[in-house]
Amino acid sequence: MTRHEDLLEEYAEELADAKAAAEAWWGRLHLANAARAGDAEVAREQLRRRWPDGPASHPLVLRVIRKYWLACEALNQGAPSIEPREPSERRHELDATLTETGDEVGGGGNDDNGDNDDDHEDDQEDDEVYPHVFIHEWLAGDHDELFEFLTPLSYWPIGLDAHDNFT
């Protein structure tokens, strides 16, 4: 597996945790709006006016996107990958953030020539992967639920500095 593929698995795990928290937050917002408006459809419309991109625009989700966008770019630049964390550490961090913000929410085997992969260490080297492709398109297939979750986002929470480096 390439370093980008390893990073994708870490990203998918962390994004799934953020997605669960964001969807819980979204559900609570919808219930509160429905109680005030007295109509679920009116509440949904009001919620979409304030948060047009839905639960995917929650700050926890945006933080995960930024973190892994920058990590992907670091891999592209040859930097070591980010340190993986245990799922319990991610959950603790998500819970702490919710409390602080007040939110209510190719590897192994043989190649085609029959040669052992160990003979071709360069084959395991990562090619550059565009971060916007990594963040969204690479989720399609094995992580379709996460791919669909991010699809409504109308922007990526990334900027460029004066030297065209991602920030």
N, C-alpha and C. Protein backbone atom coordinates (compact mmCIF):
# COMPACT_ATOMS: atom_id res chain seq x y z
N MET A 1 0.84 -1.17 0.00
CA MET A 1 0.00 0.00 0.00
C MET A 1 0.89 1.24 0.00
N THR A 2 0.50 2.28 -0.74
CA THR A 2 1.29 3.51 -0.77
C THR A 2 1.03 4.35 0.47
N ARG A 3 1.87 5.33 0.69
CA ARG A 3 1.66 6.23 1.84
C ARG A 3 0.34 6.98 1.70
N HIS A 4 -0.04 7.36 0.47
CA HIS A 4 -1.32 8.04 0.27
C HIS A 4 -2.49 7.10 0.60
N GLU A 5 -2.37 5.84 0.25
CA GLU A 5 -3.44 4.88 0.58
C GLU A 5 -3.54 4.66 2.08
N ASP A 6 -2.41 4.60 2.75
CA ASP A 6 -2.41 4.50 4.22
C ASP A 6 -3.08 5.73 4.83
N LEU A 7 -2.72 6.90 4.31
CA LEU A 7 -3.29 8.15 4.80
C LEU A 7 -4.80 8.18 4.55
N LEU A 8 -5.24 7.64 3.43
CA LEU A 8 -6.67 7.61 3.12
C LEU A 8 -7.44 6.83 4.17
N GLU A 9 -6.90 5.72 4.62
CA GLU A 9 -7.59 4.92 5.63
C GLU A 9 -7.69 5.69 6.95
N GLU A 10 -6.63 6.40 7.34
CA GLU A 10 -6.68 7.23 8.55
C GLU A 10 -7.72 8.33 8.38
N TYR A 11 -7.71 8.97 7.22
CA TYR A 11 -8.66 10.04 6.90
C TYR A 11 -10.09 9.52 6.97
N ALA A 12 -10.36 8.39 6.35
CA ALA A 12 -11.72 7.84 6.34
C ALA A 12 -12.21 7.55 7.76
N GLU A 13 -11.35 7.02 8.61
CA GLU A 13 -11.73 6.75 10.00
C GLU A 13 -12.07 8.04 10.73
N GLU A 14 -11.21 9.03 10.60
CA GLU A 14 -11.43 10.28 11.31
C GLU A 14 -12.64 11.02 10.74
N LEU A 15 -12.81 10.97 9.42
CA LEU A 15 -13.96 11.61 8.80
C LEU A 15 -15.26 10.94 9.23
N ALA A 16 -15.25 9.62 9.36
CA ALA A 16 -16.45 8.90 9.80
C ALA A 16 -16.85 9.35 11.21
N ASP A 17 -15.88 9.54 12.10
CA ASP A 17 -16.16 10.03 13.44
C ASP A 17 -16.76 11.45 13.39
N ALA A 18 -16.15 12.31 12.59
CA ALA A 18 -16.65 13.69 12.46
C ALA A 18 -18.04 13.70 11.83
N LYS A 19 -18.27 12.83 10.87
CA LYS A 19 -19.58 12.72 10.22
C LYS A 19 -20.66 12.35 11.24
N ALA A 20 -20.37 11.38 12.08
CA ALA A 20 -21.34 10.95 13.10
C ALA A 20 -21.67 12.11 14.04
N ALA A 21 -20.67 12.84 14.48
CA ALA A 21 -20.90 13.98 15.37
C ALA A 21 -21.68 15.08 14.65
N ALA A 22 -21.34 15.36 13.39
CA ALA A 22 -22.02 16.40 12.63
C ALA A 22 -23.48 16.03 12.35
N GLU A 23 -23.73 14.78 12.05
CA GLU A 23 -25.11 14.36 11.80
C GLU A 23 -25.95 14.42 13.08
N ALA A 24 -25.35 14.10 14.21
CA ALA A 24 -26.07 14.22 15.48
C ALA A 24 -26.40 15.69 15.75
N TRP A 25 -25.43 16.56 15.54
CA TRP A 25 -25.64 18.00 15.68
C TRP A 25 -26.74 18.48 14.75
N TRP A 26 -26.71 18.04 13.51
CA TRP A 26 -27.71 18.44 12.51
C TRP A 26 -29.11 17.98 12.94
N GLY A 27 -29.20 16.77 13.44
CA GLY A 27 -30.48 16.25 13.89
C GLY A 27 -31.06 17.07 15.04
N ARG A 28 -30.19 17.45 15.99
CA ARG A 28 -30.64 18.28 17.11
C ARG A 28 -31.09 19.66 16.63
N LEU A 29 -30.34 20.24 15.69
CA LEU A 29 -30.75 21.53 15.13
C LEU A 29 -32.11 21.42 14.46
N HIS A 30 -32.31 20.36 13.69
CA HIS A 30 -33.58 20.18 12.99
C HIS A 30 -34.73 20.04 13.99
N LEU A 31 -34.54 19.25 15.03
CA LEU A 31 -35.60 19.08 16.04
C LEU A 31 -35.93 20.40 16.73
N ALA A 32 -34.89 21.17 17.08
CA ALA A 32 -35.12 22.46 17.74
C ALA A 32 -35.85 23.42 16.80
N ASN A 33 -35.45 23.47 15.54
CA ASN A 33 -36.12 24.35 14.57
C ASN A 33 -37.55 23.90 14.32
N ALA A 34 -37.79 22.61 14.25
CA ALA A 34 -39.13 22.09 14.03
C ALA A 34 -40.04 22.44 15.20
N ALA A 35 -39.51 22.37 16.41
CA ALA A 35 -40.31 22.72 17.59
C ALA A 35 -40.69 24.20 17.57
N ARG A 36 -39.76 25.06 17.16
CA ARG A 36 -40.03 26.50 17.09
C ARG A 36 -40.98 26.82 15.94
N ALA A 37 -40.73 26.22 14.78
CA ALA A 37 -41.52 26.54 13.58
C ALA A 37 -42.87 25.83 13.58
N GLY A 38 -42.96 24.71 14.28
CA GLY A 38 -44.20 23.94 14.29
C GLY A 38 -44.42 23.13 13.02
N ASP A 39 -43.42 23.09 12.15
CA ASP A 39 -43.55 22.37 10.88
C ASP A 39 -42.17 21.88 10.46
N ALA A 40 -42.06 20.58 10.24
CA ALA A 40 -40.75 19.99 9.91
C ALA A 40 -40.19 20.52 8.59
N GLU A 41 -41.05 20.72 7.59
CA GLU A 41 -40.57 21.21 6.29
C GLU A 41 -40.09 22.66 6.38
N VAL A 42 -40.81 23.49 7.10
CA VAL A 42 -40.38 24.88 7.31
C VAL A 42 -39.04 24.89 8.05
N ALA A 43 -38.92 24.03 9.05
CA ALA A 43 -37.68 23.94 9.82
C ALA A 43 -36.52 23.53 8.92
N ARG A 44 -36.74 22.57 8.03
CA ARG A 44 -35.70 22.10 7.11
C ARG A 44 -35.26 23.24 6.18
N GLU A 45 -36.22 24.01 5.68
CA GLU A 45 -35.89 25.15 4.81
C GLU A 45 -35.09 26.20 5.55
N GLN A 46 -35.50 26.50 6.79
CA GLN A 46 -34.76 27.48 7.60
C GLN A 46 -33.34 27.01 7.87
N LEU A 47 -33.20 25.74 8.16
CA LEU A 47 -31.89 25.18 8.45
C LEU A 47 -30.99 25.25 7.21
N ARG A 48 -31.53 24.93 6.06
CA ARG A 48 -30.74 24.97 4.82
C ARG A 48 -30.36 26.39 4.42
N ARG A 49 -31.18 27.38 4.82
CA ARG A 49 -30.79 28.78 4.54
C ARG A 49 -29.58 29.18 5.36
N ARG A 50 -29.52 28.70 6.60
CA ARG A 50 -28.39 29.04 7.46
C ARG A 50 -27.18 28.17 7.17
N TRP A 51 -27.39 26.89 6.90
CA TRP A 51 -26.32 25.93 6.65
C TRP A 51 -26.59 25.25 5.30
N PRO A 52 -26.37 25.96 4.17
CA PRO A 52 -26.75 25.40 2.86
C PRO A 52 -26.03 24.10 2.49
N ASP A 53 -24.88 23.86 3.05
CA ASP A 53 -24.15 22.64 2.73
C ASP A 53 -24.42 21.50 3.70
N GLY A 54 -25.37 21.71 4.62
CA GLY A 54 -25.79 20.66 5.53
C GLY A 54 -24.74 20.29 6.57
N PRO A 55 -24.86 19.10 7.12
CA PRO A 55 -23.96 18.70 8.21
C PRO A 55 -22.50 18.58 7.78
N ALA A 56 -22.24 18.46 6.51
CA ALA A 56 -20.84 18.39 6.04
C ALA A 56 -20.10 19.69 6.29
N SER A 57 -20.82 20.77 6.53
CA SER A 57 -20.17 22.06 6.78
C SER A 57 -19.88 22.31 8.27
N HIS A 58 -20.10 21.29 9.11
CA HIS A 58 -19.80 21.44 10.53
C HIS A 58 -18.29 21.65 10.70
N PRO A 59 -17.89 22.50 11.64
CA PRO A 59 -16.45 22.76 11.84
C PRO A 59 -15.59 21.52 12.09
N LEU A 60 -16.12 20.50 12.73
CA LEU A 60 -15.33 19.27 12.93
C LEU A 60 -14.99 18.61 11.60
N VAL A 61 -15.95 18.58 10.70
CA VAL A 61 -15.73 17.98 9.39
C VAL A 61 -14.72 18.82 8.62
N LEU A 62 -14.88 20.13 8.64
CA LEU A 62 -13.96 21.01 7.93
C LEU A 62 -12.54 20.88 8.47
N ARG A 63 -12.42 20.70 9.79
CA ARG A 63 -11.09 20.53 10.39
C ARG A 63 -10.43 19.25 9.87
N VAL A 64 -11.20 18.16 9.78
CA VAL A 64 -10.66 16.90 9.28
C VAL A 64 -10.23 17.06 7.81
N ILE A 65 -11.05 17.72 7.03
CA ILE A 65 -10.70 17.95 5.62
C ILE A 65 -9.40 18.72 5.51
N ARG A 66 -9.29 19.82 6.25
CA ARG A 66 -8.06 20.63 6.21
C ARG A 66 -6.84 19.82 6.64
N LYS A 67 -7.00 19.08 7.73
CA LYS A 67 -5.89 18.30 8.26
C LYS A 67 -5.35 17.33 7.21
N TYR A 68 -6.24 16.61 6.55
CA TYR A 68 -5.79 15.60 5.60
C TYR A 68 -5.46 16.19 4.24
N TRP A 69 -6.01 17.32 3.88
CA TRP A 69 -5.59 18.03 2.67
C TRP A 69 -4.12 18.39 2.82
N LEU A 70 -3.80 19.02 3.96
CA LEU A 70 -2.41 19.43 4.22
C LEU A 70 -1.49 18.23 4.37
N ALA A 71 -1.97 17.14 4.97
CA ALA A 71 -1.16 15.93 5.09
C ALA A 71 -0.88 15.32 3.72
N CYS A 72 -1.88 15.33 2.85
CA CYS A 72 -1.68 14.83 1.48
C CYS A 72 -0.64 15.66 0.77
N GLU A 73 -0.74 16.97 0.90
CA GLU A 73 0.24 17.84 0.26
C GLU A 73 1.63 17.62 0.86
N ALA A 74 1.71 17.38 2.16
CA ALA A 74 3.01 17.09 2.78
C ALA A 74 3.61 15.82 2.19
N LEU A 75 2.78 14.80 1.97
CA LEU A 75 3.29 13.58 1.32
C LEU A 75 3.78 13.88 -0.09
N ASN A 76 3.04 14.72 -0.79
CA ASN A 76 3.45 15.10 -2.14
C ASN A 76 4.80 15.81 -2.13
N GLN A 77 5.07 16.54 -1.06
CA GLN A 77 6.33 17.27 -0.93
C GLN A 77 7.44 16.43 -0.30
N GLY A 78 7.11 15.17 0.05
CA GLY A 78 8.13 14.27 0.59
C GLY A 78 8.23 14.25 2.10
N ALA A 79 7.33 14.95 2.79
CA ALA A 79 7.36 14.95 4.25
C ALA A 79 6.79 13.64 4.77
N PRO A 80 7.17 13.24 5.98
CA PRO A 80 6.58 12.03 6.56
C PRO A 80 5.10 12.24 6.81
N SER A 81 4.36 11.15 6.86
CA SER A 81 2.92 11.25 7.08
C SER A 81 2.62 11.66 8.51
N ILE A 82 1.38 12.07 8.76
CA ILE A 82 0.97 12.45 10.10
C ILE A 82 0.94 11.22 10.99
N GLU A 83 1.05 11.43 12.27
CA GLU A 83 1.02 10.32 13.21
C GLU A 83 -0.40 9.80 13.36
N PRO A 84 -0.62 8.50 13.19
CA PRO A 84 -1.96 7.97 13.40
C PRO A 84 -2.31 8.00 14.88
N ARG A 85 -3.61 8.08 15.16
CA ARG A 85 -4.08 8.06 16.53
C ARG A 85 -5.09 6.94 16.69
N GLU A 86 -5.26 6.52 17.91
CA GLU A 86 -6.25 5.50 18.21
C GLU A 86 -7.64 6.10 18.07
N PRO A 87 -8.65 5.30 17.64
CA PRO A 87 -10.01 5.82 17.52
C PRO A 87 -10.52 6.46 18.80
N SER A 88 -10.16 5.92 19.96
CA SER A 88 -10.62 6.50 21.22
C SER A 88 -10.06 7.91 21.42
N GLU A 89 -8.84 8.16 20.94
CA GLU A 89 -8.26 9.49 21.03
C GLU A 89 -9.02 10.47 20.15
N ARG A 90 -9.40 10.03 18.94
CA ARG A 90 -10.17 10.89 18.03
C ARG A 90 -11.53 11.21 18.64
N ARG A 91 -12.18 10.20 19.22
CA ARG A 91 -13.51 10.41 19.82
C ARG A 91 -13.39 11.41 20.96
N HIS A 92 -12.35 11.27 21.82
CA HIS A 92 -12.16 12.20 22.92
C HIS A 92 -11.97 13.62 22.39
N GLU A 93 -11.17 13.77 21.33
CA GLU A 93 -10.93 15.08 20.75
C GLU A 93 -12.22 15.67 20.18
N LEU A 94 -13.02 14.85 19.50
CA LEU A 94 -14.29 15.32 18.96
C LEU A 94 -15.22 15.77 20.08
N ASP A 95 -15.31 14.96 21.13
CA ASP A 95 -16.18 15.31 22.25
C ASP A 95 -15.71 16.60 22.91
N ALA A 96 -14.42 16.76 23.08
CA ALA A 96 -13.88 17.97 23.70
C ALA A 96 -14.17 19.19 22.84
N THR A 97 -14.05 19.05 21.54
CA THR A 97 -14.32 20.17 20.63
C THR A 97 -15.78 20.55 20.69
N LEU A 98 -16.66 19.58 20.72
CA LEU A 98 -18.09 19.88 20.81
C LEU A 98 -18.40 20.63 22.10
N THR A 99 -17.78 20.23 23.19
CA THR A 99 -18.00 20.88 24.47
C THR A 99 -17.45 22.30 24.44
N GLU A 100 -16.25 22.47 23.89
CA GLU A 100 -15.62 23.79 23.84
C GLU A 100 -16.40 24.77 22.98
N THR A 101 -16.92 24.31 21.83
CA THR A 101 -17.60 25.21 20.90
C THR A 101 -19.05 25.42 21.27
N GLY A 102 -19.57 24.56 22.14
CA GLY A 102 -20.97 24.68 22.50
C GLY A 102 -21.89 24.11 21.44
N ASP A 103 -21.34 23.50 20.42
CA ASP A 103 -22.16 22.89 19.39
C ASP A 103 -22.83 21.67 19.94
N GLU A 104 -23.92 21.33 19.30
CA GLU A 104 -24.60 20.13 19.73
C GLU A 104 -24.42 19.12 18.62
N VAL A 105 -23.36 19.08 18.45
CA VAL A 105 -23.06 18.03 17.43
C VAL A 105 -21.68 17.17 17.21
N GLY A 106 -1.44 -0.52 -4.44
CA GLY A 106 -0.92 -1.71 -4.71
C GLY A 106 -0.15 -2.52 -3.72
N GLY A 107 -0.63 -3.06 -2.61
CA GLY A 107 0.49 -3.58 -1.87
C GLY A 107 0.55 -5.10 -1.87
N GLY A 108 1.76 -5.64 -1.64
CA GLY A 108 2.03 -7.07 -1.47
C GLY A 108 1.83 -7.91 -2.70
N GLY A 109 2.41 -9.09 -2.66
CA GLY A 109 2.21 -10.04 -3.75
C GLY A 109 3.17 -9.84 -4.89
N ASN A 110 2.82 -10.41 -6.02
CA ASN A 110 3.67 -10.35 -7.20
C ASN A 110 3.11 -9.38 -8.21
N ASP A 111 4.03 -8.80 -9.03
CA ASP A 111 3.53 -7.93 -10.08
C ASP A 111 3.18 -8.77 -11.31
N ASP A 112 2.78 -8.10 -12.36
CA ASP A 112 2.31 -8.81 -13.55
C ASP A 112 3.38 -9.70 -14.18
N ASN A 113 4.66 -9.39 -13.93
CA ASN A 113 5.75 -10.17 -14.52
C ASN A 113 6.15 -11.35 -13.66
N GLY A 114 5.47 -11.54 -12.54
CA GLY A 114 5.81 -12.64 -11.65
C GLY A 114 6.95 -12.33 -10.72
N ASP A 115 7.49 -11.10 -10.79
CA ASP A 115 8.58 -10.70 -9.90
C ASP A 115 8.03 -10.33 -8.54
N ASN A 116 8.82 -10.53 -7.52
CA ASN A 116 8.43 -10.15 -6.18
C ASN A 116 8.48 -8.63 -6.07
N ASP A 117 7.49 -8.02 -5.35
CA ASP A 117 7.45 -6.57 -5.18
C ASP A 117 8.68 -6.04 -4.47
N ASP A 118 9.33 -6.86 -3.64
CA ASP A 118 10.52 -6.40 -2.93
C ASP A 118 11.64 -6.04 -3.89
N ASP A 119 11.63 -6.61 -5.10
CA ASP A 119 12.65 -6.31 -6.09
C ASP A 119 12.42 -4.96 -6.74
N HIS A 120 11.24 -4.35 -6.50
CA HIS A 120 10.88 -3.09 -7.15
C HIS A 120 10.40 -2.09 -6.11
N GLU A 121 11.31 -1.71 -5.21
CA GLU A 121 10.93 -0.79 -4.15
C GLU A 121 10.40 0.52 -4.71
N ASP A 122 10.92 0.96 -5.86
CA ASP A 122 10.46 2.21 -6.45
C ASP A 122 8.99 2.12 -6.85
N ASP A 123 8.48 0.92 -7.13
CA ASP A 123 7.08 0.76 -7.49
C ASP A 123 6.17 1.14 -6.34
N GLN A 124 6.67 1.07 -5.10
CA GLN A 124 5.87 1.40 -3.93
C GLN A 124 5.86 2.90 -3.64
N GLU A 125 6.69 3.66 -4.34
CA GLU A 125 6.73 5.10 -4.12
C GLU A 125 5.43 5.73 -4.58
N ASP A 126 4.99 6.71 -3.82
CA ASP A 126 3.77 7.43 -4.16
C ASP A 126 4.02 8.38 -5.32
N ASP A 127 3.07 8.43 -6.21
CA ASP A 127 3.03 9.50 -7.18
C ASP A 127 2.33 10.65 -6.49
N GLU A 128 2.48 11.86 -7.02
CA GLU A 128 1.78 12.99 -6.43
C GLU A 128 0.28 12.81 -6.63
N VAL A 129 -0.47 13.13 -5.60
CA VAL A 129 -1.93 13.06 -5.63
C VAL A 129 -2.46 14.44 -5.30
N TYR A 130 -3.28 15.00 -6.19
CA TYR A 130 -3.86 16.30 -5.90
C TYR A 130 -4.73 16.21 -4.65
N PRO A 131 -4.53 17.12 -3.68
CA PRO A 131 -5.29 17.03 -2.43
C PRO A 131 -6.81 17.03 -2.63
N HIS A 132 -7.32 17.84 -3.57
CA HIS A 132 -8.77 17.87 -3.75
C HIS A 132 -9.30 16.53 -4.29
N VAL A 133 -8.47 15.82 -5.03
CA VAL A 133 -8.85 14.49 -5.51
C VAL A 133 -8.78 13.50 -4.36
N PHE A 134 -7.73 13.59 -3.57
CA PHE A 134 -7.58 12.71 -2.40
C PHE A 134 -8.74 12.89 -1.43
N ILE A 135 -9.09 14.11 -1.12
CA ILE A 135 -10.11 14.43 -0.11
C ILE A 135 -11.49 13.93 -0.50
N HIS A 136 -11.83 13.97 -1.76
CA HIS A 136 -13.19 13.60 -2.14
C HIS A 136 -13.24 12.37 -3.05
N GLU A 137 -12.60 12.45 -4.20
CA GLU A 137 -12.73 11.38 -5.19
C GLU A 137 -12.18 10.04 -4.70
N TRP A 138 -11.13 10.06 -3.91
CA TRP A 138 -10.55 8.81 -3.43
C TRP A 138 -11.47 8.10 -2.43
N LEU A 139 -12.48 8.78 -1.93
CA LEU A 139 -13.44 8.14 -1.03
C LEU A 139 -14.44 7.26 -1.81
N ALA A 140 -14.65 7.58 -3.08
CA ALA A 140 -15.61 6.82 -3.90
C ALA A 140 -15.14 5.37 -3.99
N GLY A 141 -16.08 4.47 -3.86
CA GLY A 141 -15.77 3.04 -3.93
C GLY A 141 -15.79 2.43 -2.55
N ASP A 142 -14.66 2.44 -1.88
CA ASP A 142 -14.58 1.81 -0.55
C ASP A 142 -15.26 2.63 0.54
N HIS A 143 -15.43 3.93 0.31
CA HIS A 143 -16.00 4.81 1.33
C HIS A 143 -17.11 5.67 0.72
N ASP A 144 -18.04 5.02 0.00
CA ASP A 144 -19.11 5.75 -0.69
C ASP A 144 -19.95 6.61 0.23
N GLU A 145 -20.21 6.14 1.44
CA GLU A 145 -21.03 6.92 2.37
C GLU A 145 -20.35 8.25 2.70
N LEU A 146 -19.05 8.23 2.88
CA LEU A 146 -18.31 9.46 3.15
C LEU A 146 -18.24 10.34 1.91
N PHE A 147 -18.07 9.71 0.75
CA PHE A 147 -18.07 10.45 -0.52
C PHE A 147 -19.38 11.22 -0.68
N GLU A 148 -20.49 10.55 -0.47
CA GLU A 148 -21.81 11.18 -0.59
C GLU A 148 -22.00 12.27 0.47
N PHE A 149 -21.50 12.04 1.66
CA PHE A 149 -21.62 13.01 2.75
C PHE A 149 -20.93 14.33 2.38
N LEU A 150 -19.76 14.27 1.73
CA LEU A 150 -19.02 15.49 1.38
C LEU A 150 -19.50 16.14 0.09
N THR A 151 -20.25 15.43 -0.72
CA THR A 151 -20.67 15.95 -2.02
C THR A 151 -21.39 17.30 -1.94
N PRO A 152 -22.23 17.57 -0.94
CA PRO A 152 -22.91 18.88 -0.90
C PRO A 152 -22.00 20.07 -0.63
N LEU A 153 -20.78 19.84 -0.15
CA LEU A 153 -19.90 20.98 0.13
C LEU A 153 -19.65 21.78 -1.14
N SER A 154 -19.87 23.09 -1.03
CA SER A 154 -19.69 23.98 -2.18
C SER A 154 -18.31 24.63 -2.20
N TYR A 155 -17.45 24.26 -1.25
CA TYR A 155 -16.12 24.84 -1.13
C TYR A 155 -15.22 23.88 -0.38
N TRP A 156 -13.91 24.09 -0.49
CA TRP A 156 -12.95 23.36 0.33
C TRP A 156 -12.35 24.38 1.29
N PRO A 157 -12.21 24.05 2.56
CA PRO A 157 -11.74 25.01 3.57
C PRO A 157 -10.22 25.18 3.55
N ILE A 158 -9.72 25.56 2.39
CA ILE A 158 -8.28 25.68 2.17
C ILE A 158 -8.01 27.01 1.47
N GLY A 159 -6.89 27.61 1.79
CA GLY A 159 -6.49 28.83 1.11
C GLY A 159 -5.06 28.69 0.60
N LEU A 160 -4.59 29.73 -0.04
CA LEU A 160 -3.21 29.79 -0.54
C LEU A 160 -2.53 31.01 0.07
N ASP A 161 -1.26 30.85 0.43
CA ASP A 161 -0.52 31.99 0.93
C ASP A 161 0.10 32.75 -0.24
N ALA A 162 0.92 33.74 0.05
CA ALA A 162 1.53 34.57 -0.99
C ALA A 162 2.45 33.79 -1.92
N HIS A 163 2.88 32.59 -1.49
CA HIS A 163 3.79 31.77 -2.29
C HIS A 163 3.06 30.58 -2.90
N ASP A 164 1.73 30.65 -2.93
CA ASP A 164 0.87 29.58 -3.49
C ASP A 164 1.01 28.26 -2.76
N ASN A 165 1.32 28.32 -1.47
CA ASN A 165 1.31 27.12 -0.62
C ASN A 165 -0.06 27.03 0.04
N PHE A 166 -0.56 25.81 0.19
CA PHE A 166 -1.84 25.62 0.86
C PHE A 166 -1.75 26.05 2.32
N THR A 167 -2.80 26.68 2.81
CA THR A 167 -2.87 27.08 4.22
C THR A 167 -4.16 26.57 4.83
